Every structure is written in C-alpha cells, then in structure tokens.
C-alpha cells in the first residue's frame, strides 16, 4: 500500500491574522503604510503622504504620491510572504515579509486600496468577514474598480475602516511618525496627519563620534561606519540607541545594547548601515516580520555587530560621565547641587508617602516579609539600590499591577511603571545595574533626584530623566539663567523659581508614568493626579519658600 503524501500546509486566514497581531495600535499600523509610501516612489520624487484620522467615523486614510500598483502588483501584494520584487531586482528596502496587507487588521475590520499606476486605476476591498469565512486555502479580495483608464498621477490611497481599538489617538500617531521619520530624512519627505505637518526634529547635540570595526569584526559585518551622537537632553525610549539599516532606507533594527539603562546611556543615539545583514549566507534570519526593530542575536552578523555597537556606545557614555563629573566640580555647581539635594528630599518625602500608602492598600493580600518598593528602589534608601539592567547578575523584582493609588483607593490604578527594582545576586538569572549609575559610583537613593544641567537655550526649562528618576532643571533656559546670573544660587528668587520648576516636573513625571501604564486613563483623572501631586509637595515644602 502506497504511503499517503504528507505536506506542510497553511490556513491563509489564520496566517494573515497572525501577522496582523504584530500591529497592536493605530500608530504602528499607520506607520507601516506611511513607511511603504516613503519607500516606493519613483526615482527623483520626494514622497508626499497625507494621513487623515476620523475619530467619529472610526476610519484612517493614508494617501501618497508613490508609484502605485498595477493588477499584477496587487496580485503580488496579496500573496502571503511573497518575495519583495525590489529585493529581487537588487534594491534593498522594507517589505521583506509583506506585512502591509495585514497591518490594517491589527486595528480594524476593513482594508480598502485605491491605486493608480501608468494611468490605470484599481480599487479593491478586503474585510474581516472574508478572512473569517475563508476555506483556509485562499481569501477572496473584492474588486470595486478593475483596471479602468484614469488620466491622473500615480499614487495609492489606503483606508482602514470599522476600527475597533478603544480610542483613536491622533497625537500618538503624530508622535510615532515624527520619531521614525529620521530613517527617511535623506528623501526629504512631506508627511501630514490631519492638519499637523510631521517633522523629524533632531535633538541638539553635544558631540558626535565615528567608529570603524576592527579587521576581525569587519570580516563579518563589513567595513561600515558607526556614528554616535550625544544629545544635550535625555532622549525618549524610541530615540535612544543605534538605528541599523541594511541598505538605503531599509531600517531593520535599533540597538542600545543595554547601555540606555546606565548613567548617560539615554543621551546616546546614532546610525550604522550594515548590508551584510541581508547578504550573509545563513538560514538564520537577522530579524522577524513584526517590525519590532529587534535584531536576532543568533544571527552571525548580528552577534558581532552587537559586540561592536555595545563597546563603542559604552566608550562614549563613559566619556560623558567623566566630563559631567568634572563640570560639576566648580564652586557654583557645588552650591547648586546642595540646593538640588534639598529640593529632592521634599520630593522623596512625597514619594515615600505614595509607596507607603500603596503598601498599606496591598497589605491585606501581600505575602509576609519586609515591604518592598514598587517604584524601582528599596524602601529604605539607606543602602545601594539596583534596577533592571545589564551589568551584573541578579534578581529583578516583578511588581504586581492593578493596585489602587491616586484618589485614595478609588481609582483602581497601579503604581507608576518606573524601572523595576532589583538585587545583586551572583546566582541570579537576570541582570541588574546600580540605580542611577554604573558600578564605579553606586548611589544610595530611595527615589527621585534633582539636578541642574545645561540642556540648551531652546529646550524646556526642565526635563524628566526616567532612567535615573532625575528631575533636570535647565540652566540654559532664559528664566533660570537670568535668575541665576542676577541673584545667585542662594537668593530666594532663584530658589523659588527652582522649587516651582522641580515640583511641576515631578508632578508631571508621576502623571507620565501613570499614563504609560494605563494609556486609556481618562484625561480628567490624569489631570487630577498631576494637580493633587503638585498641591501635596507645595504644601509640604512651604517652609522652603521662606528659608
């Protein structure tokens, strides 16, 4: 009796929805189509993209002046995991895994494509019901207009409709697009979200360094050039690290190599182009199709690349640590540091009050033993503290969420998502760093710190550094600089300005952490928390204003 033929098969509907799951919010889904619009333009054309978000109608539209798609192109577009034709033609770029067809279904139930190429117009539609009721072998895509004559310029309009995410946050789409535009800045793109023109605003720089790999590294990753910039102010999470491309405009990764969790690590960003990520002969993929910008450390090129990037990032970071410590040795900076410590003590009194209240609320269900901090530092603050990091083996504390805080115990919101506390342990299975610094400078700290820093004249008067729980007061801001120049660190006018700035930034920092943990937190609740915090610390520090 002949053996039955055994084959690998796939249910195309489930396959499509599995790919869609990578796009968990509207910002990520919109960026997928915006990035495609920026990538697929005719040579010499500056891409123009208009994103329209209709929160009431629950739809998003992305229109571009790209090269459009023919009937054949559309057939290829809707093929699961089809090989990218640009790559086959030797033009590296995004789209290796063909996730564009899936992104819409991460947030909505219907995808409509209207595209013009070579004076031919096509309009097609795919909805969730067709996916759910497909046989598994194929999914029917509905033609609304098939290859009609159309004497208009090339371009594509993508519409995602019947959106099911709880809230359409236009501001988050704008923020996401602006932060990712840097990878396409050479194309001089024009992108608008509703009436807002998106622009990549490079941070003000302190210095820039370039590096080349040594011969052994270059033999694997190629003779590439790594550029590392030092920003004047701490960077947001998505701005930190080295942006890795594998050919022009083909952004495939962003790596901070764990340095972002160390002192001054979150001031560093840069770029490197490594075509070898695409050309190295190995069955191991250098990255996956989730657009996570996480490289696969098992890939031979990635393994060497991360070692190269990590060593150079840490070299630059340590240079900045040394420079900062030298700058703070001046007499005026010493006096400013004393004033900053005084302000920080009042902030941390409030911080400890919040922790203690949370512990009291949780005491009914908490396990026996000493109370532990939920905010990334030990409750006592009298010994060296550790946070989740990279430098030493240890244990990382997993704080539970969902406990009450804020308006007594009414809001049901969890503790702010400040970096997880840890403990050094040679037998631990995770990695930790000393809180607020590297192993050469272990600080005993139970919460926030206040620092006076020169952040630049065009920066805000203060900044929250999430990595070190730092409230940075900008000495270059006109109001601060004038007060310091006129009156000096000990004058009541300068002190009162410093208190008001630090207290406001602290209140906003706690609000920021709450919003990170619960993006759906109502705006009036968030404003209440910020105002309540500001009121608490202002009352507690009333004596400072008369000191």
Protein backbone atom coordinates (compact mmCIF):
# COMPACT_ATOMS: atom_id res chain seq x y z
CA UNK A 1 0.00 0.00 0.00
CA UNK A 2 1.43 3.35 -1.07
CA UNK A 3 2.14 5.86 1.64
CA UNK A 4 -0.09 8.92 1.74
CA UNK A 5 1.68 12.12 0.70
CA UNK A 6 2.44 14.33 3.71
CA UNK A 7 2.64 18.08 3.14
CA UNK A 8 3.14 21.28 5.08
CA UNK A 9 0.06 23.43 4.67
CA UNK A 10 -1.17 26.73 6.00
CA UNK A 11 -4.54 28.26 6.80
CA UNK A 12 -4.17 31.56 4.99
CA UNK A 13 -6.79 33.35 7.09
CA UNK A 14 -5.14 32.47 10.38
CA UNK A 15 -1.76 33.25 8.84
CA UNK A 16 -2.94 36.73 7.89
CA UNK A 17 -4.42 37.44 11.32
CA UNK A 18 -1.28 36.15 12.98
CA UNK A 19 0.74 38.72 11.03
CA UNK A 20 -1.82 41.40 11.91
CA UNK A 21 -1.29 40.76 15.62
CA UNK A 22 2.10 42.47 15.40
CA UNK A 23 0.30 45.80 14.85
CA UNK A 24 -1.24 46.33 18.26
CA UNK A 25 -2.14 50.01 17.98
CA UNK A 26 -3.12 52.63 15.44
CA UNK A 27 0.31 54.29 15.42
CA UNK A 28 2.16 51.11 14.43
CA UNK A 29 -0.42 50.25 11.75
CA UNK A 30 -0.40 53.72 10.22
CA UNK A 31 3.39 53.85 10.18
CA UNK A 32 3.52 50.58 8.21
CA UNK A 33 1.63 52.22 5.34
CA UNK A 34 3.39 55.58 5.68
CA UNK A 35 6.77 53.85 5.52
CA UNK A 36 5.70 51.95 2.41
CA UNK A 37 4.59 55.25 0.88
CA UNK A 38 8.01 56.75 1.59
CA UNK A 39 9.83 53.71 0.23
CA UNK A 40 8.00 53.07 -3.03
CA UNK A 41 8.33 56.28 -5.03
CA UNK A 42 9.70 56.94 -8.47
CA UNK A 43 13.40 57.90 -8.57
CA UNK A 44 13.85 61.61 -8.00
CA UNK A 45 10.41 62.05 -6.43
CA UNK A 46 10.11 63.49 -2.91
CA UNK A 47 7.40 61.49 -1.17
CA UNK A 48 4.25 63.28 -0.02
CA UNK A 49 1.89 61.48 2.37
CA UNK A 50 -1.39 62.67 3.90
CA UNK A 51 -2.83 60.76 6.84
CA UNK A 52 -6.45 61.52 7.73
CA UNK A 53 -7.82 60.27 11.05
CA UNK A 54 -11.59 60.42 11.54
CA UNK A 55 -12.22 59.58 15.18
CA UNK A 56 -16.00 59.90 14.87
CA UNK A 57 -16.28 57.78 11.71
CA UNK A 58 -13.71 55.25 13.02
CA UNK A 59 -11.52 55.25 9.91
CA UNK A 60 -7.98 56.22 8.88
CA UNK A 61 -6.82 57.05 5.36
CA UNK A 62 -3.22 57.19 4.06
CA UNK A 63 -2.76 58.87 0.66
CA UNK A 64 0.55 59.12 -1.20
CA UNK A 65 2.24 60.11 -4.46
CA UNK A 66 4.08 56.80 -4.77
CA UNK A 67 4.45 54.72 -7.89
CA UNK A 68 1.15 52.90 -7.37
CA UNK A 69 0.31 49.28 -8.16
CA UNK A 70 -0.82 47.52 -11.32
CA UNK A 71 -3.14 44.49 -11.39
CA UNK A 72 -0.06 42.25 -11.31
CA UNK A 73 1.38 44.25 -8.42
CA UNK A 74 -1.87 43.86 -6.46
CA UNK A 75 -1.87 40.11 -7.01
CA UNK A 76 1.66 40.03 -5.64
CA UNK A 77 0.73 42.37 -2.76
CA UNK A 78 -1.99 39.98 -1.55
CA UNK A 79 0.25 36.91 -1.68
CA UNK A 80 1.26 35.85 1.82
CA UNK A 81 5.02 36.12 2.39
CA UNK A 82 5.72 36.90 -1.25
CA UNK A 83 9.33 37.76 -2.09
CA UNK A 84 9.77 41.52 -2.39
CA UNK A 85 10.32 42.41 -6.05
CA UNK A 86 12.60 45.32 -5.27
CA UNK A 87 14.87 42.98 -3.37
CA UNK A 88 14.88 40.53 -6.27
CA UNK A 89 15.92 43.44 -8.50
CA UNK A 90 18.80 44.26 -6.17
CA UNK A 91 17.17 47.27 -4.48
CA UNK A 92 17.17 46.59 -0.71
CA UNK A 93 14.36 48.11 1.30
CA UNK A 94 11.45 47.42 3.60
CA UNK A 95 8.77 44.89 2.79
CA UNK A 96 10.78 41.68 3.11
CA UNK A 97 7.90 39.82 4.73
CA UNK A 98 4.96 41.54 3.03
CA UNK A 99 3.03 42.60 6.14
CA UNK A 100 1.28 45.58 4.54
CA UNK A 101 -1.81 43.57 3.73
CA UNK A 102 -2.09 42.51 7.38
CA UNK A 103 -1.40 45.72 9.32
CA UNK A 104 -4.93 47.11 8.90
CA UNK A 105 -6.46 44.08 10.61
CA UNK A 106 -4.49 44.72 13.77
CA UNK A 107 -6.82 47.66 14.46
CA UNK A 108 -9.79 47.41 12.07
CA UNK A 109 -12.11 45.15 10.13
CA UNK A 110 -11.81 46.50 6.60
CA UNK A 111 -8.98 47.42 4.22
CA UNK A 112 -9.63 49.36 1.01
CA UNK A 113 -6.91 50.06 -1.55
CA UNK A 114 -7.28 52.61 -4.35
CA UNK A 115 -4.19 52.73 -6.54
CA UNK A 116 -3.15 54.35 -9.82
CA UNK A 117 -0.22 53.15 -11.90
CA UNK A 118 0.56 54.02 -15.51
CA UNK A 119 -2.85 55.69 -15.98
CA UNK A 120 -4.74 52.60 -14.83
CA UNK A 121 -6.87 52.69 -11.67
CA UNK A 122 -7.80 49.78 -9.43
CA UNK A 123 -9.84 49.70 -6.23
CA UNK A 124 -10.03 46.57 -4.08
CA UNK A 125 -11.50 45.72 -0.70
CA UNK A 126 -10.84 43.05 1.91
CA UNK A 127 -12.83 42.71 5.13
CA UNK A 128 -12.60 40.61 8.25
CA UNK A 129 -15.67 38.52 7.43
CA UNK A 130 -13.99 37.27 4.24
CA UNK A 131 -10.95 36.26 6.29
CA UNK A 132 -13.03 34.51 8.96
CA UNK A 133 -15.12 32.58 6.42
CA UNK A 134 -12.31 31.63 4.06
CA UNK A 135 -11.64 27.98 3.29
CA UNK A 136 -8.09 28.35 4.51
CA UNK A 137 -6.60 27.94 1.05
CA UNK A 138 -7.34 31.49 -0.12
CA UNK A 139 -9.25 34.64 0.80
CA UNK A 140 -11.35 36.42 -1.84
CA UNK A 141 -10.47 40.10 -2.36
CA UNK A 142 -13.29 42.14 -3.86
CA UNK A 143 -12.65 44.24 -6.96
CA UNK A 144 -14.58 47.51 -6.82
CA UNK A 145 -12.87 49.00 -9.88
CA UNK A 146 -10.78 46.85 -12.20
CA UNK A 147 -8.08 48.37 -14.38
CA UNK A 148 -10.01 51.39 -15.66
CA UNK A 149 -8.47 54.22 -17.71
CA UNK A 150 -7.55 57.05 -15.36
CA UNK A 151 -5.51 60.03 -16.53
CA UNK A 152 -4.18 61.03 -13.10
CA UNK A 153 -0.73 60.81 -11.45
CA UNK A 154 0.41 57.61 -9.78
CA UNK A 155 -0.36 57.08 -6.12
CA UNK A 156 -2.14 54.90 -3.58
CA UNK A 157 -4.86 55.53 -1.00
CA UNK A 158 -5.14 53.03 1.87
CA UNK A 159 -8.27 53.19 4.03
CA UNK A 160 -8.64 51.29 7.28
CA UNK A 161 -12.27 51.36 8.41
CA UNK A 162 -14.55 49.84 11.03
CA UNK A 163 -11.73 50.37 13.52
CA UNK A 164 -12.23 48.51 16.78
CA UNK A 165 -9.47 49.87 19.05
CA UNK A 166 -10.97 51.67 22.04
CA UNK A 167 -9.74 55.15 21.17
CA UNK A 168 -8.09 56.66 18.11
CA UNK A 169 -5.22 58.76 19.48
CA UNK A 170 -4.15 61.15 16.74
CA UNK A 171 -1.41 62.63 18.91
CA UNK A 172 0.24 59.22 19.31
CA UNK A 173 0.17 58.66 15.55
CA UNK A 174 1.86 62.04 15.06
CA UNK A 175 4.47 61.29 17.70
CA UNK A 176 5.21 57.84 16.26
CA UNK A 177 5.56 59.15 12.70
CA UNK A 178 7.81 62.05 13.71
CA UNK A 179 10.14 59.85 15.71
CA UNK A 180 10.54 57.36 12.88
CA UNK A 181 10.96 59.87 10.05
CA UNK A 182 14.68 60.14 10.72
CA UNK A 183 15.27 56.88 8.84
CA UNK A 184 13.90 58.56 5.68
CA UNK A 185 15.28 62.07 6.15
CA UNK A 186 17.50 61.72 3.05
CA UNK A 187 14.33 61.56 0.91
CA UNK A 188 13.06 64.91 2.27
CA UNK A 189 9.55 63.53 2.80
CA UNK A 190 6.43 65.58 3.50
CA UNK A 191 4.01 63.84 5.86
CA UNK A 192 0.90 65.35 7.44
CA UNK A 193 -1.52 63.83 9.94
CA UNK A 194 -4.77 65.75 9.60
CA UNK A 195 -3.62 69.39 9.75
CA UNK A 196 -0.31 68.69 11.51
CA UNK A 197 2.82 68.61 9.35
CA UNK A 198 5.15 65.98 10.80
CA UNK A 199 8.81 66.81 11.08
CA UNK A 200 11.77 64.97 12.47
CA UNK A 201 13.36 67.33 14.96
CA UNK A 202 16.91 66.18 15.67
CA UNK A 203 17.96 66.83 19.25
CA UNK A 204 20.61 69.41 20.00
CA UNK A 205 23.98 67.69 20.07
CA UNK A 206 26.89 67.91 22.49
CA UNK A 207 29.28 65.90 20.34
CA UNK A 208 29.48 63.26 17.60
CA UNK A 209 31.93 60.36 17.31
CA UNK A 210 32.53 57.93 14.45
CA UNK A 211 34.00 54.43 14.67
CA UNK A 212 35.09 51.65 12.31
CA UNK A 213 35.14 47.95 13.20
CA UNK A 214 38.46 46.20 13.73
CA UNK A 215 39.64 43.80 10.97
CA UNK A 216 38.11 40.72 12.62
CA UNK A 217 34.74 42.45 13.05
CA UNK A 218 34.86 43.95 9.55
CA UNK A 219 35.36 40.46 8.12
CA UNK A 220 31.83 39.63 9.32
CA UNK A 221 29.86 42.89 9.40
CA UNK A 222 31.71 44.70 6.62
CA UNK A 223 33.77 47.89 6.75
CA UNK A 224 30.87 50.01 7.98
CA UNK A 225 30.92 53.38 9.75
CA UNK A 226 29.20 53.77 13.12
CA UNK A 227 28.14 57.30 14.07
CA UNK A 228 27.23 58.01 17.70
CA UNK A 229 25.70 61.33 18.76
CA UNK A 230 25.44 62.67 22.30
CA UNK A 231 22.25 64.67 22.84
CA UNK A 232 22.11 67.58 25.25
CA UNK A 233 18.98 66.20 26.95
CA UNK A 234 17.79 62.67 27.80
CA UNK A 235 16.06 61.01 24.86
CA UNK A 236 12.75 59.18 24.78
CA UNK A 237 12.80 55.39 24.56
CA UNK A 238 12.28 55.28 20.78
CA UNK A 239 15.05 57.81 20.10
CA UNK A 240 17.78 56.03 22.05
CA UNK A 241 20.26 53.59 20.59
CA UNK A 242 21.79 53.00 17.17
CA UNK A 243 19.47 52.77 14.18
CA UNK A 244 20.64 49.90 12.00
CA UNK A 245 19.95 49.83 8.26
CA UNK A 246 20.74 47.11 5.75
CA UNK A 247 20.89 49.27 2.64
CA UNK A 248 19.44 52.71 1.91
CA UNK A 249 16.19 53.43 3.81
CA UNK A 250 15.97 49.80 4.92
CA UNK A 251 15.67 50.27 8.69
CA UNK A 252 15.84 46.84 10.32
CA UNK A 253 16.89 47.41 13.92
CA UNK A 254 17.50 49.75 16.83
CA UNK A 255 20.07 48.61 19.37
CA UNK A 256 21.13 50.23 22.66
CA UNK A 257 22.97 47.07 23.84
CA UNK A 258 21.76 47.67 27.40
CA UNK A 259 23.66 50.97 27.67
CA UNK A 260 20.46 53.05 27.84
CA UNK A 261 19.89 51.82 31.41
CA UNK A 262 23.21 53.23 32.59
CA UNK A 263 24.24 56.76 33.51
CA UNK A 264 24.15 58.99 30.39
CA UNK A 265 23.21 55.99 28.26
CA UNK A 266 19.85 57.55 27.40
CA UNK A 267 21.60 60.57 25.85
CA UNK A 268 23.11 58.46 23.05
CA UNK A 269 21.79 57.73 19.57
CA UNK A 270 23.33 57.02 16.20
CA UNK A 271 23.25 55.10 12.96
CA UNK A 272 25.12 52.40 11.08
CA UNK A 273 24.49 50.77 7.70
CA UNK A 274 25.28 47.04 7.56
CA UNK A 275 24.34 45.50 4.17
CA UNK A 276 25.88 42.21 5.36
CA UNK A 277 22.72 41.63 7.43
CA UNK A 278 20.95 40.84 4.15
CA UNK A 279 23.77 39.18 2.22
CA UNK A 280 25.43 36.88 4.78
CA UNK A 281 24.81 33.23 3.82
CA UNK A 282 22.93 31.62 6.71
CA UNK A 283 19.45 30.11 7.21
CA UNK A 284 19.03 32.25 10.36
CA UNK A 285 17.01 35.41 9.76
CA UNK A 286 18.57 38.62 11.14
CA UNK A 287 15.14 39.93 12.19
CA UNK A 288 11.50 38.85 12.07
CA UNK A 289 8.36 40.24 10.40
CA UNK A 290 6.97 42.02 13.48
CA UNK A 291 8.61 45.40 12.68
CA UNK A 292 9.85 45.39 16.28
CA UNK A 293 13.31 46.65 15.20
CA UNK A 294 14.84 43.91 17.32
CA UNK A 295 17.70 42.06 15.72
CA UNK A 296 18.19 38.33 16.21
CA UNK A 297 21.35 37.80 18.33
CA UNK A 298 21.67 34.25 16.97
CA UNK A 299 22.42 35.62 13.50
CA UNK A 300 26.22 35.58 12.90
CA UNK A 301 26.36 39.20 11.69
CA UNK A 302 24.09 40.47 14.47
CA UNK A 303 26.19 38.74 17.11
CA UNK A 304 29.36 40.55 16.02
CA UNK A 305 27.51 43.80 15.36
CA UNK A 306 26.06 43.99 18.86
CA UNK A 307 29.50 43.49 20.37
CA UNK A 308 30.87 46.30 18.21
CA UNK A 309 27.99 48.68 18.97
CA UNK A 310 27.93 47.91 22.69
CA UNK A 311 31.63 48.58 23.21
CA UNK A 312 31.53 51.91 21.37
CA UNK A 313 28.32 53.10 23.00
CA UNK A 314 29.77 52.41 26.40
CA UNK A 315 33.03 54.15 25.48
CA UNK A 316 31.15 57.32 24.56
CA UNK A 317 28.91 57.01 27.62
CA UNK A 318 31.87 56.79 29.98
CA UNK A 319 33.44 59.85 28.34
CA UNK A 320 30.25 61.81 29.09
CA UNK A 321 30.20 60.59 32.69
CA UNK A 322 33.76 61.82 33.21
CA UNK A 323 33.03 65.15 31.51
CA UNK A 324 29.91 65.69 33.62
CA UNK A 325 31.72 64.97 36.88
CA UNK A 326 34.46 67.42 36.02
CA UNK A 327 31.93 70.11 35.15
CA UNK A 328 30.17 69.69 38.49
CA UNK A 329 33.34 70.33 40.49
CA UNK A 330 33.02 74.13 40.23
CA UNK A 331 32.02 76.09 43.33
CA UNK A 332 28.75 77.32 41.85
CA UNK A 333 27.79 73.83 40.70
CA UNK A 334 28.60 72.54 44.19
CA UNK A 335 26.21 75.11 45.68
CA UNK A 336 23.57 74.27 43.10
CA UNK A 337 23.93 70.57 43.90
CA UNK A 338 23.31 71.30 47.58
CA UNK A 339 20.12 73.18 46.70
CA UNK A 340 19.06 70.37 44.36
CA UNK A 341 19.51 67.80 47.15
CA UNK A 342 17.37 69.92 49.42
CA UNK A 343 14.54 70.03 46.87
CA UNK A 344 14.90 66.30 46.17
CA UNK A 345 14.38 65.50 49.84
CA UNK A 346 10.92 67.07 49.75
CA UNK A 347 10.07 65.23 46.55
CA UNK A 348 11.14 61.93 48.07
CA UNK A 349 9.12 62.56 51.21
CA UNK A 350 6.10 62.63 48.92
CA UNK A 351 7.44 59.65 47.01
CA UNK A 352 7.81 57.59 50.17
CA UNK A 353 4.31 58.63 51.23
CA UNK A 354 2.92 57.20 47.99
CA UNK A 355 4.84 53.96 48.41
CA UNK A 356 3.73 53.53 52.00
CA UNK A 357 0.12 54.18 51.09
CA UNK A 358 0.29 51.59 48.32
CA UNK A 359 1.81 49.06 50.71
CA UNK A 360 -1.00 49.69 53.20
CA UNK A 361 -3.58 49.15 50.48
CA UNK A 362 -1.91 45.90 49.42
CA UNK A 363 -1.24 44.61 52.92
CA UNK A 364 -4.40 42.51 53.01
CA UNK A 365 -3.14 40.31 50.17
CA UNK A 366 0.62 40.80 50.29
CA UNK A 367 2.91 37.95 51.32
CA UNK A 368 4.67 38.12 54.67
CA UNK A 369 8.03 39.81 54.89
CA UNK A 370 9.53 43.29 54.68
CA UNK A 371 7.78 45.78 52.44
CA UNK A 372 9.46 46.23 49.07
CA UNK A 373 9.47 49.28 46.83
CA UNK A 374 7.13 49.30 43.87
CA UNK A 375 8.95 52.15 42.20
CA UNK A 376 12.37 50.78 41.34
CA UNK A 377 14.30 51.36 44.60
CA UNK A 378 14.47 49.87 48.06
CA UNK A 379 12.00 51.16 50.56
CA UNK A 380 14.60 52.36 52.99
CA UNK A 381 17.01 54.11 50.67
CA UNK A 382 19.91 53.67 53.12
CA UNK A 383 21.83 51.12 51.06
CA UNK A 384 22.93 50.84 47.44
CA UNK A 385 19.91 50.24 45.21
CA UNK A 386 19.69 48.30 41.98
CA UNK A 387 17.38 48.32 38.95
CA UNK A 388 16.83 46.02 35.98
CA UNK A 389 19.85 46.40 33.73
CA UNK A 390 22.82 44.67 32.15
CA UNK A 391 26.00 44.92 34.23
CA UNK A 392 25.75 42.21 36.91
CA UNK A 393 23.80 39.03 37.60
CA UNK A 394 20.90 39.43 39.98
CA UNK A 395 17.18 39.16 40.59
CA UNK A 396 14.61 41.63 39.22
CA UNK A 397 11.51 42.33 41.26
CA UNK A 398 8.25 41.97 39.36
CA UNK A 399 5.87 44.44 40.95
CA UNK A 400 2.24 43.49 40.53
CA UNK A 401 -0.15 45.90 38.89
CA UNK A 402 -3.69 46.93 39.36
CA UNK A 403 -3.47 48.18 42.92
CA UNK A 404 -5.09 51.39 43.99
CA UNK A 405 -3.47 54.77 44.15
CA UNK A 406 -4.22 58.37 43.34
CA UNK A 407 -7.54 59.47 44.84
CA UNK A 408 -7.22 57.48 48.00
CA UNK A 409 -8.12 53.97 46.89
CA UNK A 410 -10.83 54.95 44.43
CA UNK A 411 -9.11 55.00 41.07
CA UNK A 412 -8.02 51.36 40.95
CA UNK A 413 -4.84 52.33 39.12
CA UNK A 414 -1.48 50.68 39.60
CA UNK A 415 1.82 52.09 40.67
CA UNK A 416 3.69 54.18 38.11
CA UNK A 417 5.77 52.00 35.81
CA UNK A 418 9.16 53.27 36.99
CA UNK A 419 12.15 50.93 36.25
CA UNK A 420 11.88 47.65 38.15
CA UNK A 421 13.79 47.22 41.39
CA UNK A 422 16.47 44.57 41.57
CA UNK A 423 19.04 42.98 43.84
CA UNK A 424 22.58 41.84 43.08
CA UNK A 425 22.85 38.05 43.24
CA UNK A 426 25.70 36.03 41.77
CA UNK A 427 23.32 33.10 41.23
CA UNK A 428 20.56 35.24 39.75
CA UNK A 429 19.11 34.54 36.30
CA UNK A 430 18.63 38.20 35.28
CA UNK A 431 20.79 41.33 35.03
CA UNK A 432 20.84 44.45 37.21
CA UNK A 433 22.63 47.80 37.36
CA UNK A 434 23.34 50.08 40.32
CA UNK A 435 20.49 52.60 40.48
CA UNK A 436 21.39 55.91 38.89
CA UNK A 437 24.91 54.99 37.82
CA UNK A 438 27.47 52.36 36.97
CA UNK A 439 29.47 50.16 39.27
CA UNK A 440 32.05 52.86 39.91
CA UNK A 441 29.51 55.11 41.55
CA UNK A 442 26.82 53.29 43.48
CA UNK A 443 24.38 55.77 44.89
CA UNK A 444 22.22 55.21 47.92
CA UNK A 445 18.92 56.57 46.79
CA UNK A 446 15.33 55.90 47.65
CA UNK A 447 13.62 57.75 44.82
CA UNK A 448 13.94 60.87 42.70
CA UNK A 449 16.91 63.18 42.39
CA UNK A 450 17.14 66.79 41.26
CA UNK A 451 19.99 68.04 39.06
CA UNK A 452 20.89 71.35 37.49
CA UNK A 453 22.10 70.74 33.93
CA UNK A 454 22.90 72.82 30.84
CA UNK A 455 20.31 71.43 28.41
CA UNK A 456 20.35 74.18 25.77
CA UNK A 457 18.58 77.51 25.30
CA UNK A 458 15.88 76.07 23.06
CA UNK A 459 14.97 73.22 25.44
CA UNK A 460 12.21 73.32 28.05
CA UNK A 461 13.02 74.66 31.47
CA UNK A 462 13.05 71.12 32.92
CA UNK A 463 13.21 67.51 31.82
CA UNK A 464 12.30 64.17 33.37
CA UNK A 465 15.06 61.57 33.02
CA UNK A 466 13.21 58.29 33.51
CA UNK A 467 16.36 56.16 33.64
CA UNK A 468 17.73 57.83 36.78
CA UNK A 469 14.41 59.19 38.12
CA UNK A 470 16.00 62.59 37.63
CA UNK A 471 14.32 65.99 37.55
CA UNK A 472 16.69 68.12 35.43
CA UNK A 473 16.46 71.91 35.76
CA UNK A 474 17.77 73.60 32.62
CA UNK A 475 20.40 76.21 33.48
CA UNK A 476 20.32 77.48 29.89
CA UNK A 477 16.61 78.34 29.91
CA UNK A 478 16.18 82.12 29.80
CA UNK A 479 14.19 82.34 33.06
CA UNK A 480 16.62 80.16 35.03
CA UNK A 481 19.77 81.68 33.50
CA UNK A 482 18.63 85.24 34.22
CA UNK A 483 17.64 84.46 37.80
CA UNK A 484 20.95 82.73 38.49
CA UNK A 485 23.01 85.47 36.86
CA UNK A 486 21.18 88.24 38.71
CA UNK A 487 20.73 86.77 42.16
CA UNK A 488 22.91 83.64 42.56
CA UNK A 489 22.07 80.16 43.93
CA UNK A 490 21.26 81.31 47.47
CA UNK A 491 18.89 84.12 46.56
CA UNK A 492 15.18 83.48 47.39
CA UNK A 493 14.10 84.50 43.87
CA UNK A 494 16.25 81.80 42.26
CA UNK A 495 15.29 79.24 44.88
CA UNK A 496 11.55 79.83 44.46
CA UNK A 497 11.84 79.50 40.70
CA UNK A 498 13.76 76.24 41.18
CA UNK A 499 11.15 74.87 43.58
CA UNK A 500 8.28 75.71 41.24
CA UNK A 501 10.05 74.09 38.26
CA UNK A 502 11.08 70.95 40.16
CA UNK A 503 7.70 70.42 41.80
CA UNK A 504 5.85 70.87 38.48
CA UNK A 505 8.16 68.47 36.65
CA UNK A 506 7.84 65.89 39.46
CA UNK A 507 4.03 66.05 39.29
CA UNK A 508 4.17 65.66 35.51
CA UNK A 509 6.64 62.76 35.85
CA UNK A 510 4.25 60.79 38.05
CA UNK A 511 1.45 61.60 35.62
CA UNK A 512 3.62 60.40 32.75
CA UNK A 513 4.29 57.10 34.47
CA UNK A 514 0.57 56.59 35.15
CA UNK A 515 -0.23 57.29 31.50
CA UNK A 516 2.45 54.83 30.35
CA UNK A 517 0.93 52.12 32.50
CA UNK A 518 -2.66 52.92 31.51
CA UNK A 519 -2.86 54.63 28.08
CA UNK A 520 -6.66 54.70 28.38
CA UNK A 521 -6.63 56.67 31.61
CA UNK A 522 -9.22 59.48 31.21
CA UNK A 523 -7.71 62.92 30.79
CA UNK A 524 -9.59 64.37 33.78
CA UNK A 525 -8.25 61.57 36.03
CA UNK A 526 -4.71 62.22 34.83
CA UNK A 527 -5.04 65.97 35.39
CA UNK A 528 -6.44 65.30 38.86
CA UNK A 529 -3.41 63.18 39.77
CA UNK A 530 -0.99 65.82 38.50
CA UNK A 531 -2.72 68.65 40.34
CA UNK A 532 -3.06 66.62 43.53
CA UNK A 533 0.65 65.78 43.49
CA UNK A 534 1.64 69.39 42.87
CA UNK A 535 -0.61 70.53 45.71
CA UNK A 536 0.87 67.95 48.12
CA UNK A 537 4.52 68.78 47.52
CA UNK A 538 3.88 72.54 47.51
CA UNK A 539 2.22 72.33 50.92
CA UNK A 540 4.89 70.05 52.33
CA UNK A 541 7.66 72.37 51.14
CA UNK A 542 6.04 75.61 52.27
CA UNK A 543 8.96 76.28 54.62
CA UNK A 544 11.38 76.34 51.70
CA UNK A 545 9.78 79.48 50.31
CA UNK A 546 10.63 81.45 53.44
CA UNK A 547 14.03 79.89 54.13
